[in-house]
Amino acid sequence: MKIILMAAVTLDGKIAKDAGHFVDWTSREDKRLFFSTSRRAGVIIMGHNTYKTLPSPLPGRLHIVLTTKPAAQETRPGEVEFTADTPQEIVRSLEERGYREAVLIGGAQANTLFLKSNLVDELWL
């Protein structure tokens, strides 16, 4: 499975002002690239704080949300799934369901987990 880490990053290395900041990307072109790439992949992976910044789930994509308390969340199979699984377990589950690509959109903890597991194939900044 191919994992693309996509992030809008400031010159000083920040991906958001704080944990509650909704990233509005940097340009229309960046937004279009994110939407087309994530729609093509069909899966976006993110941490719980990143998920909370979304106004609503993005249509046409499975949202995999990393959290330490998945049972406390409202999972909607096929749309929004909360998990405490390891990155390897997440990738294995997605592959078993036929997915070949996923877009990792942060935050820092989620990105770090996948990077340390050597599961990020491409880094788009």
C-alpha atoms as a PDB file:
ATOM      1  CA  MET A   1       0.000   0.000   0.000  1.00  0.00           C
ATOM      2  CA  LYS A   2       1.231   3.485  -0.859  1.00  0.00           C
ATOM      3  CA  ILE A   3       1.023   6.110   1.914  1.00  0.00           C
ATOM      4  CA  ILE A   4       1.341   9.773   0.933  1.00  0.00           C
ATOM      5  CA  LEU A   5       1.934  12.209   3.787  1.00  0.00           C
ATOM      6  CA  MET A   6       0.479  15.585   2.723  1.00  0.00           C
ATOM      7  CA  ALA A   7       1.039  18.716   4.782  1.00  0.00           C
ATOM      8  CA  ALA A   8       0.928  22.470   4.391  1.00  0.00           C
ATOM      9  CA  VAL A   9       3.980  23.597   6.345  1.00  0.00           C
ATOM     10  CA  THR A  10       5.141  27.070   7.314  1.00  0.00           C
ATOM     11  CA  LEU A  11       8.757  28.107   6.865  1.00  0.00           C
ATOM     12  CA  ASP A  12       9.355  27.519  10.572  1.00  0.00           C
ATOM     13  CA  GLY A  13       8.053  23.931  10.324  1.00  0.00           C
ATOM     14  CA  LYS A  14       4.539  24.360  11.757  1.00  0.00           C
ATOM     15  CA  ILE A  15       1.585  22.434  10.343  1.00  0.00           C
ATOM     16  CA  ALA A  16      -0.990  24.322  12.439  1.00  0.00           C
ATOM     17  CA  LYS A  17      -1.197  27.239  14.858  1.00  0.00           C
ATOM     18  CA  ASP A  18      -2.459  24.910  17.605  1.00  0.00           C
ATOM     19  CA  ALA A  19      -4.317  21.602  18.062  1.00  0.00           C
ATOM     20  CA  GLY A  20      -7.684  23.166  17.130  1.00  0.00           C
ATOM     21  CA  HIS A  21      -6.503  24.981  13.999  1.00  0.00           C
ATOM     22  CA  PHE A  22      -8.237  23.984  10.748  1.00  0.00           C
ATOM     23  CA  VAL A  23      -5.585  24.083   8.036  1.00  0.00           C
ATOM     24  CA  ASP A  24      -6.963  25.931   5.034  1.00  0.00           C
ATOM     25  CA  TRP A  25      -3.970  24.958   2.899  1.00  0.00           C
ATOM     26  CA  THR A  26      -1.887  27.578   1.174  1.00  0.00           C
ATOM     27  CA  SER A  27      -3.597  28.122  -2.152  1.00  0.00           C
ATOM     28  CA  ARG A  28      -6.489  26.990  -4.325  1.00  0.00           C
ATOM     29  CA  GLU A  29      -4.087  24.749  -6.199  1.00  0.00           C
ATOM     30  CA  ASP A  30      -2.980  23.034  -2.966  1.00  0.00           C
ATOM     31  CA  LYS A  31      -6.618  22.517  -1.979  1.00  0.00           C
ATOM     32  CA  ARG A  32      -7.433  21.026  -5.371  1.00  0.00           C
ATOM     33  CA  LEU A  33      -4.413  18.721  -5.145  1.00  0.00           C
ATOM     34  CA  PHE A  34      -5.436  17.540  -1.670  1.00  0.00           C
ATOM     35  CA  PHE A  35      -9.059  16.936  -2.665  1.00  0.00           C
ATOM     36  CA  SER A  36      -8.228  15.113  -5.910  1.00  0.00           C
ATOM     37  CA  THR A  37      -5.468  12.988  -4.354  1.00  0.00           C
ATOM     38  CA  SER A  38      -7.500  12.029  -1.294  1.00  0.00           C
ATOM     39  CA  ARG A  39     -10.582  11.262  -3.400  1.00  0.00           C
ATOM     40  CA  ARG A  40      -8.514   9.054  -5.727  1.00  0.00           C
ATOM     41  CA  ALA A  41      -6.997   7.198  -2.766  1.00  0.00           C
ATOM     42  CA  GLY A  42     -10.363   6.847  -1.048  1.00  0.00           C
ATOM     43  CA  VAL A  43      -8.759   6.911   2.426  1.00  0.00           C
ATOM     44  CA  ILE A  44      -7.424   9.651   4.654  1.00  0.00           C
ATOM     45  CA  ILE A  45      -5.621   8.856   7.891  1.00  0.00           C
ATOM     46  CA  MET A  46      -5.373  11.406  10.687  1.00  0.00           C
ATOM     47  CA  GLY A  47      -5.077  11.916  14.406  1.00  0.00           C
ATOM     48  CA  HIS A  48      -8.100  12.717  16.548  1.00  0.00           C
ATOM     49  CA  ASN A  49      -7.208  16.401  16.962  1.00  0.00           C
ATOM     50  CA  THR A  50      -6.924  16.817  13.190  1.00  0.00           C
ATOM     51  CA  TYR A  51     -10.283  15.101  12.732  1.00  0.00           C
ATOM     52  CA  LYS A  52     -11.889  17.491  15.221  1.00  0.00           C
ATOM     53  CA  THR A  53     -10.829  20.468  13.066  1.00  0.00           C
ATOM     54  CA  LEU A  54     -12.876  19.226  10.095  1.00  0.00           C
ATOM     55  CA  PRO A  55     -16.311  20.819   9.801  1.00  0.00           C
ATOM     56  CA  SER A  56     -17.625  17.408   8.664  1.00  0.00           C
ATOM     57  CA  PRO A  57     -16.257  14.218   7.087  1.00  0.00           C
ATOM     58  CA  LEU A  58     -15.146  14.684   3.499  1.00  0.00           C
ATOM     59  CA  PRO A  59     -17.448  12.895   1.062  1.00  0.00           C
ATOM     60  CA  GLY A  60     -16.226   9.883  -0.862  1.00  0.00           C
ATOM     61  CA  ARG A  61     -13.402   9.032   1.534  1.00  0.00           C
ATOM     62  CA  LEU A  62     -12.922   6.662   4.431  1.00  0.00           C
ATOM     63  CA  HIS A  63     -11.583   8.573   7.448  1.00  0.00           C
ATOM     64  CA  ILE A  64      -9.274   6.532   9.676  1.00  0.00           C
ATOM     65  CA  VAL A  65      -8.876   8.442  12.941  1.00  0.00           C
ATOM     66  CA  LEU A  66      -6.121   7.492  15.382  1.00  0.00           C
ATOM     67  CA  THR A  67      -7.153   7.817  19.017  1.00  0.00           C
ATOM     68  CA  THR A  68      -6.312   6.216  22.338  1.00  0.00           C
ATOM     69  CA  LYS A  69     -10.030   5.788  23.116  1.00  0.00           C
ATOM     70  CA  PRO A  70     -11.770   4.393  20.010  1.00  0.00           C
ATOM     71  CA  ALA A  71     -14.678   2.905  22.005  1.00  0.00           C
ATOM     72  CA  ALA A  72     -15.653   6.388  23.199  1.00  0.00           C
ATOM     73  CA  GLN A  73     -16.111   7.627  19.616  1.00  0.00           C
ATOM     74  CA  GLU A  74     -18.951   7.279  17.124  1.00  0.00           C
ATOM     75  CA  THR A  75     -17.612   5.018  14.390  1.00  0.00           C
ATOM     76  CA  ARG A  76     -19.506   5.017  11.097  1.00  0.00           C
ATOM     77  CA  PRO A  77     -18.125   1.998   9.204  1.00  0.00           C
ATOM     78  CA  GLY A  78     -16.980   2.901   5.716  1.00  0.00           C
ATOM     79  CA  GLU A  79     -17.026   6.624   6.518  1.00  0.00           C
ATOM     80  CA  VAL A  80     -15.326   7.382   9.855  1.00  0.00           C
ATOM     81  CA  GLU A  81     -13.498   4.709  11.822  1.00  0.00           C
ATOM     82  CA  PHE A  82     -11.706   5.429  15.115  1.00  0.00           C
ATOM     83  CA  THR A  83      -8.828   3.131  15.999  1.00  0.00           C
ATOM     84  CA  ALA A  84      -5.992   2.588  18.445  1.00  0.00           C
ATOM     85  CA  ASP A  85      -4.358   0.101  16.050  1.00  0.00           C
ATOM     86  CA  THR A  86      -0.714   0.402  15.097  1.00  0.00           C
ATOM     87  CA  PRO A  87       0.157   1.857  11.702  1.00  0.00           C
ATOM     88  CA  GLN A  88       1.021  -1.668  10.499  1.00  0.00           C
ATOM     89  CA  GLU A  89      -2.387  -2.983  11.594  1.00  0.00           C
ATOM     90  CA  ILE A  90      -4.145  -0.050   9.907  1.00  0.00           C
ATOM     91  CA  VAL A  91      -2.314  -0.651   6.632  1.00  0.00           C
ATOM     92  CA  ARG A  92      -3.019  -4.396   6.781  1.00  0.00           C
ATOM     93  CA  SER A  93      -6.741  -3.755   7.384  1.00  0.00           C
ATOM     94  CA  LEU A  94      -6.949  -1.283   4.504  1.00  0.00           C
ATOM     95  CA  GLU A  95      -5.155  -3.671   2.149  1.00  0.00           C
ATOM     96  CA  GLU A  96      -7.532  -6.484   3.140  1.00  0.00           C
ATOM     97  CA  ARG A  97     -10.408  -4.189   2.128  1.00  0.00           C
ATOM     98  CA  GLY A  98      -8.842  -3.538  -1.266  1.00  0.00           C
ATOM     99  CA  TYR A  99      -7.344  -0.095  -0.763  1.00  0.00           C
ATOM    100  CA  ARG A 100      -4.033   0.508  -2.525  1.00  0.00           C
ATOM    101  CA  GLU A 101      -3.331   4.087  -1.451  1.00  0.00           C
ATOM    102  CA  ALA A 102      -4.000   6.378   1.530  1.00  0.00           C
ATOM    103  CA  VAL A 103      -3.296  10.010   2.343  1.00  0.00           C
ATOM    104  CA  LEU A 104      -1.881  10.750   5.799  1.00  0.00           C
ATOM    105  CA  ILE A 105      -2.841  14.280   6.866  1.00  0.00           C
ATOM    106  CA  GLY A 106      -1.468  14.621  10.397  1.00  0.00           C
ATOM    107  CA  GLY A 107      -1.150  15.866  12.999  1.00  0.00           C
ATOM    108  CA  ALA A 108       2.361  15.555  14.212  1.00  0.00           C
ATOM    109  CA  GLN A 109       1.777  12.435  16.353  1.00  0.00           C
ATOM    110  CA  ALA A 110       0.052  10.506  13.559  1.00  0.00           C
ATOM    111  CA  ASN A 111       2.711  11.546  11.053  1.00  0.00           C
ATOM    112  CA  THR A 112       5.466  10.499  13.465  1.00  0.00           C
ATOM    113  CA  LEU A 113       3.900   7.068  14.073  1.00  0.00           C
ATOM    114  CA  PHE A 114       3.785   6.304  10.361  1.00  0.00           C
ATOM    115  CA  LEU A 115       7.240   7.753   9.665  1.00  0.00           C
ATOM    116  CA  LYS A 116       8.852   5.773  12.509  1.00  0.00           C
ATOM    117  CA  SER A 117       7.149   2.633  11.164  1.00  0.00           C
ATOM    118  CA  ASN A 118       8.712   3.286   7.732  1.00  0.00           C
ATOM    119  CA  LEU A 119       5.257   3.284   6.125  1.00  0.00           C
ATOM    120  CA  VAL A 120       5.362   6.672   4.369  1.00  0.00           C
ATOM    121  CA  ASP A 121       6.187   6.272   0.690  1.00  0.00           C
ATOM    122  CA  GLU A 122       5.913   9.919  -0.368  1.00  0.00           C
ATOM    123  CA  LEU A 123       6.087  13.225   1.478  1.00  0.00           C
ATOM    124  CA  TRP A 124       4.213  16.130  -0.173  1.00  0.00           C
ATOM    125  CA  LEU A 125       4.828  19.485   1.499  1.00  0.00           C
END
